[in-house]
């Protein structure tokens, strides 16, 4: 039996199509980390861990026999519950093109935030060390003077190049900083966003959950988000007025090259 129990939910195929489609559209915007790191999977709900490629040597129970315990990193399960009114589901079946799915939107924002935070800042309880925790470079201070951002980002790129980390590079920045970049026009009329993209050779990404910003290499092989079950919607229960569902995924994250990112820390932190 599918552990998501979707066939038990009082949703028609049309309603499932709308709910799944709305979730996918909203997640695409919110899942900032996936736009910047390698994605491994999905491998299924039964995937429990990923190999680190390392081994701990053990004392064998038999003379002359060498023993070693392989090291793995366990996957963490994330789940956020939400509800949809049955009257709204009825309207979807009637062909409503503007469904009210505000609680789904909340759930999407929450689970995407949890994933972004785990990747960039870590999740100790889940055995995940984030990019900002593992970076070997000194953090660079940023402030509210957005016209200084090109110099700061260029400094971060140069720090990685000095240790042999090639580009292109990307910038993950929290919503407030991203909005400031979008709204800033430099002397000469050039958009700051375009200037930063030229320095990086890659994307500037709106990243909920990121404190300050992170410049990182996009060459591949440095950061891996490993997924068992990708984000999916499951069924919990229902009554006469609403259906209770949930968003769920299983994942872990590894930094394979600690030189491949530079943290930009707000001077106000």
C-alpha atoms as a PDB file:
ATOM      1  CA  UNK A   1       0.000   0.000   0.000  1.00  0.00           C
ATOM      2  CA  UNK A   2       1.207   3.505  -0.838  1.00  0.00           C
ATOM      3  CA  UNK A   3       2.165   5.088   2.511  1.00  0.00           C
ATOM      4  CA  UNK A   4       0.752   8.432   1.323  1.00  0.00           C
ATOM      5  CA  UNK A   5      -2.752   6.886   1.348  1.00  0.00           C
ATOM      6  CA  UNK A   6      -3.888   9.145  -1.491  1.00  0.00           C
ATOM      7  CA  UNK A   7      -6.530   6.666  -2.676  1.00  0.00           C
ATOM      8  CA  UNK A   8      -8.300   7.043   0.697  1.00  0.00           C
ATOM      9  CA  UNK A   9      -8.771  10.783   0.274  1.00  0.00           C
ATOM     10  CA  UNK A  10     -12.148  12.101  -0.948  1.00  0.00           C
ATOM     11  CA  UNK A  11     -10.492  13.926  -3.851  1.00  0.00           C
ATOM     12  CA  UNK A  12     -11.368  13.341  -7.471  1.00  0.00           C
ATOM     13  CA  UNK A  13      -8.612  12.921 -10.037  1.00  0.00           C
ATOM     14  CA  UNK A  14      -9.311  16.485 -11.174  1.00  0.00           C
ATOM     15  CA  UNK A  15      -8.923  17.800  -7.624  1.00  0.00           C
ATOM     16  CA  UNK A  16      -5.664  15.904  -7.110  1.00  0.00           C
ATOM     17  CA  UNK A  17      -4.358  17.340 -10.383  1.00  0.00           C
ATOM     18  CA  UNK A  18      -5.131  20.887  -9.248  1.00  0.00           C
ATOM     19  CA  UNK A  19      -3.694  20.463  -5.726  1.00  0.00           C
ATOM     20  CA  UNK A  20      -0.538  18.763  -6.999  1.00  0.00           C
ATOM     21  CA  UNK A  21      -0.129  21.379  -9.736  1.00  0.00           C
ATOM     22  CA  UNK A  22      -0.528  24.292  -7.338  1.00  0.00           C
ATOM     23  CA  UNK A  23       1.978  22.755  -4.922  1.00  0.00           C
ATOM     24  CA  UNK A  24       4.541  22.197  -7.676  1.00  0.00           C
ATOM     25  CA  UNK A  25       4.204  25.735  -9.010  1.00  0.00           C
ATOM     26  CA  UNK A  26       4.643  27.289  -5.584  1.00  0.00           C
ATOM     27  CA  UNK A  27       7.495  24.986  -4.567  1.00  0.00           C
ATOM     28  CA  UNK A  28       9.444  25.857  -7.716  1.00  0.00           C
ATOM     29  CA  UNK A  29       9.606  29.463  -6.543  1.00  0.00           C
ATOM     30  CA  UNK A  30      10.397  28.723  -2.897  1.00  0.00           C
ATOM     31  CA  UNK A  31      13.006  25.940  -3.178  1.00  0.00           C
ATOM     32  CA  UNK A  32      16.051  28.150  -3.582  1.00  0.00           C
ATOM     33  CA  UNK A  33      18.720  25.613  -2.601  1.00  0.00           C
ATOM     34  CA  UNK A  34      17.815  23.270  -5.458  1.00  0.00           C
ATOM     35  CA  UNK A  35      18.654  26.004  -7.968  1.00  0.00           C
ATOM     36  CA  UNK A  36      22.251  26.151  -6.718  1.00  0.00           C
ATOM     37  CA  UNK A  37      23.359  22.694  -5.495  1.00  0.00           C
ATOM     38  CA  UNK A  38      23.448  19.222  -7.028  1.00  0.00           C
ATOM     39  CA  UNK A  39      20.304  17.127  -6.570  1.00  0.00           C
ATOM     40  CA  UNK A  40      20.684  13.379  -6.025  1.00  0.00           C
ATOM     41  CA  UNK A  41      17.467  11.374  -6.327  1.00  0.00           C
ATOM     42  CA  UNK A  42      14.705  10.841  -5.665  1.00  0.00           C
ATOM     43  CA  UNK A  43      15.405   7.237  -4.657  1.00  0.00           C
ATOM     44  CA  UNK A  44      12.124   6.428  -2.905  1.00  0.00           C
ATOM     45  CA  UNK A  45      10.601   6.486   0.572  1.00  0.00           C
ATOM     46  CA  UNK A  46      12.538   3.379   1.658  1.00  0.00           C
ATOM     47  CA  UNK A  47      15.924   5.061   1.138  1.00  0.00           C
ATOM     48  CA  UNK A  48      17.255   5.517   4.672  1.00  0.00           C
ATOM     49  CA  UNK A  49      20.783   6.889   4.250  1.00  0.00           C
ATOM     50  CA  UNK A  50      23.593   7.808   1.879  1.00  0.00           C
ATOM     51  CA  UNK A  51      27.119   6.476   2.056  1.00  0.00           C
ATOM     52  CA  UNK A  52      29.874   8.859   3.051  1.00  0.00           C
ATOM     53  CA  UNK A  53      32.467   6.605   1.455  1.00  0.00           C
ATOM     54  CA  UNK A  54      34.272   6.258   4.776  1.00  0.00           C
ATOM     55  CA  UNK A  55      34.762   3.398   7.209  1.00  0.00           C
ATOM     56  CA  UNK A  56      35.458   3.068  10.931  1.00  0.00           C
ATOM     57  CA  UNK A  57      37.865   0.266  11.739  1.00  0.00           C
ATOM     58  CA  UNK A  58      36.602  -2.157  14.369  1.00  0.00           C
ATOM     59  CA  UNK A  59      38.124  -4.771  16.607  1.00  0.00           C
ATOM     60  CA  UNK A  60      37.239  -8.072  14.995  1.00  0.00           C
ATOM     61  CA  UNK A  61      35.687 -10.945  16.913  1.00  0.00           C
ATOM     62  CA  UNK A  62      37.965 -13.380  15.069  1.00  0.00           C
ATOM     63  CA  UNK A  63      41.768 -13.275  15.076  1.00  0.00           C
ATOM     64  CA  UNK A  64      43.261 -12.481  11.682  1.00  0.00           C
ATOM     65  CA  UNK A  65      40.040 -10.917  10.334  1.00  0.00           C
ATOM     66  CA  UNK A  66      39.873  -7.184   9.722  1.00  0.00           C
ATOM     67  CA  UNK A  67      36.520  -5.464  10.322  1.00  0.00           C
ATOM     68  CA  UNK A  68      35.205  -2.057   9.369  1.00  0.00           C
ATOM     69  CA  UNK A  69      31.889  -0.273   9.829  1.00  0.00           C
ATOM     70  CA  UNK A  70      30.772   1.769   6.835  1.00  0.00           C
ATOM     71  CA  UNK A  71      29.763   5.334   7.608  1.00  0.00           C
ATOM     72  CA  UNK A  72      26.399   6.605   6.380  1.00  0.00           C
ATOM     73  CA  UNK A  73      24.426   9.817   6.731  1.00  0.00           C
ATOM     74  CA  UNK A  74      20.799   9.229   7.575  1.00  0.00           C
ATOM     75  CA  UNK A  75      17.979  10.963   5.723  1.00  0.00           C
ATOM     76  CA  UNK A  76      15.702  13.327   7.608  1.00  0.00           C
ATOM     77  CA  UNK A  77      11.935  13.300   7.113  1.00  0.00           C
ATOM     78  CA  UNK A  78      10.149  16.655   6.870  1.00  0.00           C
ATOM     79  CA  UNK A  79       6.363  16.984   7.011  1.00  0.00           C
ATOM     80  CA  UNK A  80       3.920  19.906   7.124  1.00  0.00           C
ATOM     81  CA  UNK A  81       0.162  19.404   7.454  1.00  0.00           C
ATOM     82  CA  UNK A  82      -2.480  21.527   5.739  1.00  0.00           C
ATOM     83  CA  UNK A  83      -6.178  21.398   4.970  1.00  0.00           C
ATOM     84  CA  UNK A  84      -8.492  22.044   2.018  1.00  0.00           C
ATOM     85  CA  UNK A  85     -12.184  22.735   2.438  1.00  0.00           C
ATOM     86  CA  UNK A  86     -14.514  20.186   0.864  1.00  0.00           C
ATOM     87  CA  UNK A  87     -16.589  22.983  -0.630  1.00  0.00           C
ATOM     88  CA  UNK A  88     -13.472  24.223  -2.435  1.00  0.00           C
ATOM     89  CA  UNK A  89     -12.818  20.711  -3.729  1.00  0.00           C
ATOM     90  CA  UNK A  90     -16.393  20.606  -5.004  1.00  0.00           C
ATOM     91  CA  UNK A  91     -15.817  23.892  -6.825  1.00  0.00           C
ATOM     92  CA  UNK A  92     -12.670  22.470  -8.432  1.00  0.00           C
ATOM     93  CA  UNK A  93     -14.730  19.552  -9.727  1.00  0.00           C
ATOM     94  CA  UNK A  94     -17.193  22.068 -11.171  1.00  0.00           C
ATOM     95  CA  UNK A  95     -14.335  23.650 -13.100  1.00  0.00           C
ATOM     96  CA  UNK A  96     -13.356  26.563 -10.836  1.00  0.00           C
ATOM     97  CA  UNK A  97     -10.141  28.081 -12.198  1.00  0.00           C
ATOM     98  CA  UNK A  98      -9.272  30.102  -9.058  1.00  0.00           C
ATOM     99  CA  UNK A  99      -9.188  27.651  -6.129  1.00  0.00           C
ATOM    100  CA  UNK A 100      -8.598  29.023  -2.624  1.00  0.00           C
ATOM    101  CA  UNK A 101      -5.605  27.046  -1.382  1.00  0.00           C
ATOM    102  CA  UNK A 102      -4.128  29.427   1.174  1.00  0.00           C
ATOM    103  CA  UNK A 103      -3.263  26.690   3.668  1.00  0.00           C
ATOM    104  CA  UNK A 104      -1.383  24.795   0.978  1.00  0.00           C
ATOM    105  CA  UNK A 105       0.559  27.975   0.275  1.00  0.00           C
ATOM    106  CA  UNK A 106       1.510  28.200   3.969  1.00  0.00           C
ATOM    107  CA  UNK A 107       2.633  24.567   4.014  1.00  0.00           C
ATOM    108  CA  UNK A 108       4.735  25.068   0.885  1.00  0.00           C
ATOM    109  CA  UNK A 109       6.476  28.091   2.391  1.00  0.00           C
ATOM    110  CA  UNK A 110       7.186  26.262   5.647  1.00  0.00           C
ATOM    111  CA  UNK A 111       8.648  23.074   4.185  1.00  0.00           C
ATOM    112  CA  UNK A 112      10.667  24.970   1.562  1.00  0.00           C
ATOM    113  CA  UNK A 113      12.033  27.194   4.324  1.00  0.00           C
ATOM    114  CA  UNK A 114      13.066  24.111   6.320  1.00  0.00           C
ATOM    115  CA  UNK A 115      14.895  22.684   3.292  1.00  0.00           C
ATOM    116  CA  UNK A 116      16.636  25.973   2.472  1.00  0.00           C
ATOM    117  CA  UNK A 117      17.750  26.478   6.078  1.00  0.00           C
ATOM    118  CA  UNK A 118      19.110  22.924   6.288  1.00  0.00           C
ATOM    119  CA  UNK A 119      21.183  23.400   3.126  1.00  0.00           C
ATOM    120  CA  UNK A 120      22.554  26.852   3.869  1.00  0.00           C
ATOM    121  CA  UNK A 121      22.711  26.923   7.683  1.00  0.00           C
ATOM    122  CA  UNK A 122      22.450  23.270   8.716  1.00  0.00           C
ATOM    123  CA  UNK A 123      20.099  21.168  10.838  1.00  0.00           C
ATOM    124  CA  UNK A 124      22.067  19.678  13.721  1.00  0.00           C
ATOM    125  CA  UNK A 125      19.241  17.425  14.943  1.00  0.00           C
ATOM    126  CA  UNK A 126      19.156  15.828  11.489  1.00  0.00           C
ATOM    127  CA  UNK A 127      22.928  15.436  11.259  1.00  0.00           C
ATOM    128  CA  UNK A 128      23.183  18.089   8.516  1.00  0.00           C
ATOM    129  CA  UNK A 129      25.939  20.695   8.360  1.00  0.00           C
ATOM    130  CA  UNK A 130      25.070  23.627   6.119  1.00  0.00           C
ATOM    131  CA  UNK A 131      27.136  25.553   3.614  1.00  0.00           C
ATOM    132  CA  UNK A 132      27.703  28.523   5.926  1.00  0.00           C
ATOM    133  CA  UNK A 133      28.876  26.219   8.716  1.00  0.00           C
ATOM    134  CA  UNK A 134      31.427  24.416   6.546  1.00  0.00           C
ATOM    135  CA  UNK A 135      32.897  27.274   4.506  1.00  0.00           C
ATOM    136  CA  UNK A 136      36.635  27.650   5.116  1.00  0.00           C
ATOM    137  CA  UNK A 137      36.747  31.285   3.952  1.00  0.00           C
ATOM    138  CA  UNK A 138      36.475  34.265   6.262  1.00  0.00           C
ATOM    139  CA  UNK A 139      32.994  35.768   6.091  1.00  0.00           C
ATOM    140  CA  UNK A 140      32.706  39.100   4.270  1.00  0.00           C
ATOM    141  CA  UNK A 141      30.592  41.863   5.769  1.00  0.00           C
ATOM    142  CA  UNK A 142      27.731  43.379   3.771  1.00  0.00           C
ATOM    143  CA  UNK A 143      25.503  46.316   4.672  1.00  0.00           C
ATOM    144  CA  UNK A 144      22.530  48.255   3.358  1.00  0.00           C
ATOM    145  CA  UNK A 145      24.614  50.136   0.768  1.00  0.00           C
ATOM    146  CA  UNK A 146      23.665  47.981  -2.199  1.00  0.00           C
ATOM    147  CA  UNK A 147      26.004  49.854  -4.537  1.00  0.00           C
ATOM    148  CA  UNK A 148      28.877  48.139  -2.664  1.00  0.00           C
ATOM    149  CA  UNK A 149      27.566  44.668  -3.536  1.00  0.00           C
ATOM    150  CA  UNK A 150      29.563  44.292  -6.781  1.00  0.00           C
ATOM    151  CA  UNK A 151      32.842  44.821  -4.887  1.00  0.00           C
ATOM    152  CA  UNK A 152      31.803  42.419  -2.136  1.00  0.00           C
ATOM    153  CA  UNK A 153      30.674  39.715  -4.569  1.00  0.00           C
ATOM    154  CA  UNK A 154      33.808  40.160  -6.693  1.00  0.00           C
ATOM    155  CA  UNK A 155      35.907  39.751  -3.526  1.00  0.00           C
ATOM    156  CA  UNK A 156      34.089  36.491  -2.734  1.00  0.00           C
ATOM    157  CA  UNK A 157      34.586  35.179  -6.267  1.00  0.00           C
ATOM    158  CA  UNK A 158      38.271  36.072  -6.151  1.00  0.00           C
ATOM    159  CA  UNK A 159      38.679  34.255  -2.812  1.00  0.00           C
ATOM    160  CA  UNK A 160      37.408  31.042  -4.421  1.00  0.00           C
ATOM    161  CA  UNK A 161      39.487  31.455  -7.566  1.00  0.00           C
ATOM    162  CA  UNK A 162      42.635  31.839  -5.463  1.00  0.00           C
ATOM    163  CA  UNK A 163      42.133  28.324  -4.086  1.00  0.00           C
ATOM    164  CA  UNK A 164      41.278  26.784  -7.460  1.00  0.00           C
ATOM    165  CA  UNK A 165      37.466  26.801  -7.304  1.00  0.00           C
ATOM    166  CA  UNK A 166      36.137  27.525 -10.778  1.00  0.00           C
ATOM    167  CA  UNK A 167      32.835  29.129 -11.722  1.00  0.00           C
ATOM    168  CA  UNK A 168      30.309  29.909 -12.763  1.00  0.00           C
ATOM    169  CA  UNK A 169      29.184  31.194  -9.403  1.00  0.00           C
ATOM    170  CA  UNK A 170      25.795  31.917  -7.877  1.00  0.00           C
ATOM    171  CA  UNK A 171      24.473  34.201  -5.168  1.00  0.00           C
ATOM    172  CA  UNK A 172      21.819  33.049  -2.680  1.00  0.00           C
ATOM    173  CA  UNK A 173      20.367  36.013  -0.818  1.00  0.00           C
ATOM    174  CA  UNK A 174      17.464  36.479   1.580  1.00  0.00           C
ATOM    175  CA  UNK A 175      14.273  38.222   0.415  1.00  0.00           C
ATOM    176  CA  UNK A 176      15.098  41.654   1.889  1.00  0.00           C
ATOM    177  CA  UNK A 177      18.520  41.739   0.258  1.00  0.00           C
ATOM    178  CA  UNK A 178      17.167  40.420  -3.039  1.00  0.00           C
ATOM    179  CA  UNK A 179      14.498  43.132  -3.144  1.00  0.00           C
ATOM    180  CA  UNK A 180      17.163  45.757  -2.463  1.00  0.00           C
ATOM    181  CA  UNK A 181      19.226  44.465  -5.385  1.00  0.00           C
ATOM    182  CA  UNK A 182      16.230  44.490  -7.726  1.00  0.00           C
ATOM    183  CA  UNK A 183      15.371  48.072  -6.785  1.00  0.00           C
ATOM    184  CA  UNK A 184      18.907  49.451  -7.131  1.00  0.00           C
ATOM    185  CA  UNK A 185      20.162  51.236 -10.236  1.00  0.00           C
ATOM    186  CA  UNK A 186      23.864  52.057 -10.237  1.00  0.00           C
ATOM    187  CA  UNK A 187      25.553  55.204 -11.502  1.00  0.00           C
ATOM    188  CA  UNK A 188      25.255  55.224 -15.267  1.00  0.00           C
ATOM    189  CA  UNK A 189      21.802  53.633 -15.196  1.00  0.00           C
ATOM    190  CA  UNK A 190      22.897  49.998 -15.045  1.00  0.00           C
ATOM    191  CA  UNK A 191      20.797  47.571 -13.045  1.00  0.00           C
ATOM    192  CA  UNK A 192      22.670  46.140 -10.076  1.00  0.00           C
ATOM    193  CA  UNK A 193      21.170  42.706 -10.760  1.00  0.00           C
ATOM    194  CA  UNK A 194      22.720  42.611 -14.242  1.00  0.00           C
ATOM    195  CA  UNK A 195      26.096  43.740 -12.890  1.00  0.00           C
ATOM    196  CA  UNK A 196      26.103  40.974 -10.270  1.00  0.00           C
ATOM    197  CA  UNK A 197      25.171  38.344 -12.854  1.00  0.00           C
ATOM    198  CA  UNK A 198      28.118  39.401 -15.016  1.00  0.00           C
ATOM    199  CA  UNK A 199      30.518  39.085 -12.068  1.00  0.00           C
ATOM    200  CA  UNK A 200      29.146  35.698 -11.057  1.00  0.00           C
ATOM    201  CA  UNK A 201      28.555  34.163 -14.462  1.00  0.00           C
ATOM    202  CA  UNK A 202      25.501  32.567 -12.847  1.00  0.00           C
ATOM    203  CA  UNK A 203      22.232  33.244 -11.066  1.00  0.00           C
ATOM    204  CA  UNK A 204      21.211  35.593  -8.272  1.00  0.00           C
ATOM    205  CA  UNK A 205      18.599  33.575  -6.354  1.00  0.00           C
ATOM    206  CA  UNK A 206      15.831  34.794  -4.042  1.00  0.00           C
ATOM    207  CA  UNK A 207      16.368  32.499  -1.074  1.00  0.00           C
ATOM    208  CA  UNK A 208      13.961  32.473   1.882  1.00  0.00           C
ATOM    209  CA  UNK A 209      15.767  31.241   5.003  1.00  0.00           C
ATOM    210  CA  UNK A 210      19.193  32.569   4.061  1.00  0.00           C
ATOM    211  CA  UNK A 211      20.671  34.953   6.617  1.00  0.00           C
ATOM    212  CA  UNK A 212      22.792  37.497   4.789  1.00  0.00           C
ATOM    213  CA  UNK A 213      23.951  35.872   1.564  1.00  0.00           C
ATOM    214  CA  UNK A 214      26.184  33.131   0.174  1.00  0.00           C
ATOM    215  CA  UNK A 215      28.346  33.156  -2.954  1.00  0.00           C
ATOM    216  CA  UNK A 216      29.016  29.614  -4.135  1.00  0.00           C
ATOM    217  CA  UNK A 217      30.445  27.756  -7.080  1.00  0.00           C
ATOM    218  CA  UNK A 218      27.995  26.246  -9.559  1.00  0.00           C
ATOM    219  CA  UNK A 219      30.596  24.044 -11.270  1.00  0.00           C
ATOM    220  CA  UNK A 220      29.036  20.916  -9.723  1.00  0.00           C
ATOM    221  CA  UNK A 221      30.286  18.241  -7.352  1.00  0.00           C
ATOM    222  CA  UNK A 222      30.713  20.511  -4.328  1.00  0.00           C
ATOM    223  CA  UNK A 223      27.282  20.364  -2.656  1.00  0.00           C
ATOM    224  CA  UNK A 224      24.797  17.492  -2.820  1.00  0.00           C
ATOM    225  CA  UNK A 225      21.175  17.448  -1.713  1.00  0.00           C
ATOM    226  CA  UNK A 226      20.236  13.742  -1.525  1.00  0.00           C
ATOM    227  CA  UNK A 227      16.545  12.921  -1.692  1.00  0.00           C
ATOM    228  CA  UNK A 228      14.701   9.731  -0.811  1.00  0.00           C
ATOM    229  CA  UNK A 229      11.097  10.727  -1.370  1.00  0.00           C
ATOM    230  CA  UNK A 230      10.740  13.999  -3.195  1.00  0.00           C
ATOM    231  CA  UNK A 231       8.115  16.445  -1.994  1.00  0.00           C
ATOM    232  CA  UNK A 232       4.746  14.690  -2.170  1.00  0.00           C
ATOM    233  CA  UNK A 233       1.234  15.208  -0.839  1.00  0.00           C
ATOM    234  CA  UNK A 234      -0.317  12.560   1.399  1.00  0.00           C
ATOM    235  CA  UNK A 235      -3.693  12.079   3.062  1.00  0.00           C
ATOM    236  CA  UNK A 236      -4.358  12.252   6.817  1.00  0.00           C
ATOM    237  CA  UNK A 237      -8.112  12.382   7.436  1.00  0.00           C
ATOM    238  CA  UNK A 238     -11.330  14.198   6.598  1.00  0.00           C
ATOM    239  CA  UNK A 239     -14.648  15.221   8.028  1.00  0.00           C
ATOM    240  CA  UNK A 240     -17.773  16.887   6.641  1.00  0.00           C
ATOM    241  CA  UNK A 241     -16.086  20.257   6.147  1.00  0.00           C
ATOM    242  CA  UNK A 242     -12.413  19.719   5.286  1.00  0.00           C
ATOM    243  CA  UNK A 243      -9.762  17.293   4.113  1.00  0.00           C
ATOM    244  CA  UNK A 244      -6.474  17.183   6.008  1.00  0.00           C
ATOM    245  CA  UNK A 245      -3.404  16.524   3.864  1.00  0.00           C
ATOM    246  CA  UNK A 246       0.347  16.935   4.275  1.00  0.00           C
ATOM    247  CA  UNK A 247       3.498  17.730   2.333  1.00  0.00           C
ATOM    248  CA  UNK A 248       6.372  15.349   2.981  1.00  0.00           C
ATOM    249  CA  UNK A 249       9.937  14.639   1.854  1.00  0.00           C
ATOM    250  CA  UNK A 250      13.043  12.799   3.048  1.00  0.00           C
ATOM    251  CA  UNK A 251      16.493  14.256   2.481  1.00  0.00           C
ATOM    252  CA  UNK A 252      19.979  14.978   3.658  1.00  0.00           C
ATOM    253  CA  UNK A 253      22.690  17.374   2.527  1.00  0.00           C
ATOM    254  CA  UNK A 254      26.471  17.160   2.293  1.00  0.00           C
ATOM    255  CA  UNK A 255      29.194  19.727   1.658  1.00  0.00           C
ATOM    256  CA  UNK A 256      31.902  17.938  -0.322  1.00  0.00           C
ATOM    257  CA  UNK A 257      34.168  20.936  -0.934  1.00  0.00           C
ATOM    258  CA  UNK A 258      34.401  23.429   1.913  1.00  0.00           C
ATOM    259  CA  UNK A 259      36.340  25.975  -0.216  1.00  0.00           C
ATOM    260  CA  UNK A 260      33.476  26.328  -2.715  1.00  0.00           C
ATOM    261  CA  UNK A 261      31.408  28.958  -0.863  1.00  0.00           C
ATOM    262  CA  UNK A 262      31.928  32.331   0.807  1.00  0.00           C
ATOM    263  CA  UNK A 263      29.513  33.680   3.412  1.00  0.00           C
ATOM    264  CA  UNK A 264      28.372  37.298   3.166  1.00  0.00           C
ATOM    265  CA  UNK A 265      27.332  38.297   6.676  1.00  0.00           C
ATOM    266  CA  UNK A 266      25.167  41.310   7.429  1.00  0.00           C
ATOM    267  CA  UNK A 267      27.001  43.965   9.401  1.00  0.00           C
ATOM    268  CA  UNK A 268      23.792  44.390  11.413  1.00  0.00           C
ATOM    269  CA  UNK A 269      23.815  40.730  12.588  1.00  0.00           C
END
